Protein backbone atom coordinates (compact mmCIF):
# COMPACT_ATOMS: atom_id res chain seq x y z
CA MET A 1 0.00 0.00 0.00
CA LYS A 2 1.40 3.39 -0.98
CA ILE A 3 1.80 5.99 1.78
CA ASP A 4 1.14 9.60 0.78
CA LYS A 5 2.62 12.54 2.66
CA ASN A 6 1.45 16.14 3.08
CA ILE A 7 -2.06 15.61 1.70
CA PRO A 8 -4.23 18.23 3.45
CA ILE A 9 -7.35 17.03 5.25
CA PRO A 10 -10.43 18.63 3.69
CA ASP A 11 -12.54 20.74 6.02
CA SER A 12 -15.61 18.96 7.26
CA ARG A 13 -18.72 20.75 8.31
CA PHE A 14 -18.64 21.45 12.03
CA GLY A 15 -19.74 18.51 14.14
CA ASN A 16 -20.07 16.05 11.28
CA LYS A 17 -16.90 14.29 10.28
CA ASP A 18 -18.68 12.58 7.41
CA GLY A 19 -19.44 15.90 5.66
CA ARG A 20 -23.15 16.07 6.46
CA PRO A 21 -24.50 19.57 7.06
CA PRO A 22 -24.66 20.63 10.71
CA LYS A 23 -27.78 19.59 12.60
CA TYR A 24 -28.26 22.96 14.29
CA PRO A 25 -27.69 26.43 12.75
CA LEU A 26 -25.49 27.65 15.62
CA LYS A 27 -22.91 29.21 13.31
CA ASP A 28 -25.57 31.36 11.58
CA LEU A 29 -27.22 32.80 14.69
CA GLU A 30 -26.73 36.44 15.56
CA ILE A 31 -27.13 37.75 19.11
CA ASN A 32 -30.79 37.44 20.25
CA ASP A 33 -31.65 35.03 17.39
CA SER A 34 -33.16 31.68 18.34
CA PHE A 35 -34.39 28.44 16.80
CA LEU A 36 -36.69 25.65 17.93
CA ILE A 37 -35.78 21.97 18.11
CA PRO A 38 -39.18 20.23 18.09
CA TYR A 39 -39.69 17.31 20.44
CA GLU A 40 -39.38 13.92 18.75
CA GLU A 41 -41.81 11.13 19.51
CA GLY A 42 -40.27 8.38 21.58
CA ILE A 43 -37.39 10.50 22.93
CA GLU A 44 -37.58 11.89 26.44
CA LYS A 45 -37.63 15.68 26.68
CA ASN A 46 -34.70 15.73 29.10
CA LYS A 47 -32.65 13.52 26.77
CA MET A 48 -33.32 15.87 23.84
CA HIS A 49 -32.31 18.84 25.99
CA SER A 50 -29.12 17.03 26.99
CA ARG A 51 -28.26 16.29 23.35
CA ALA A 52 -28.80 19.91 22.33
CA SER A 53 -26.70 21.14 25.26
CA GLY A 54 -23.94 18.70 24.31
CA SER A 55 -23.92 19.94 20.72
CA ILE A 56 -23.67 23.52 21.93
CA ALA A 57 -20.83 22.64 24.31
CA ASN A 58 -18.90 21.04 21.45
CA PHE A 59 -19.57 24.07 19.26
CA ASN A 60 -18.29 26.39 22.02
CA LYS A 61 -14.95 24.56 22.05
CA LYS A 62 -14.38 25.79 18.51
CA TYR A 63 -16.14 29.18 18.88
CA PRO A 64 -15.74 30.23 22.55
CA GLU A 65 -16.70 33.83 21.78
CA LYS A 66 -20.31 32.77 21.13
CA LYS A 67 -22.65 31.92 24.01
CA PHE A 68 -26.04 30.20 23.95
CA VAL A 69 -28.84 29.38 26.34
CA THR A 70 -31.46 26.63 25.98
CA ARG A 71 -34.92 26.25 27.52
CA GLN A 72 -37.50 23.49 27.38
CA ILE A 73 -40.80 24.97 26.23
CA ASP A 74 -44.14 23.41 25.25
CA ASP A 75 -43.16 22.76 21.60
CA GLY A 76 -39.54 21.67 22.08
CA ILE A 77 -36.12 23.00 23.01
CA ARG A 78 -35.48 26.65 22.11
CA VAL A 79 -31.88 27.79 21.65
CA TRP A 80 -30.92 31.49 21.86
CA ARG A 81 -27.58 33.09 21.08
CA ILE A 82 -26.86 35.56 23.90
CA LYS A 83 -23.29 36.65 23.11
């Protein structure tokens, strides 16, 4: 098998190493913008909230200057950019 050197790794879309588009539009939010993650049937509300919070925490490792807050509401999880 041939070994290649100095081949740059193509950029992947944030959070998806397989090149899929990001699940949440965190990168596109401006301060005071928000989006809703609707509840999914068969998934506990707290588990969905935990997943969203985990995605945001991973995003903040790459973009620490942006801050978000999440809240469980009647329709789903709402995510706001606050900084």
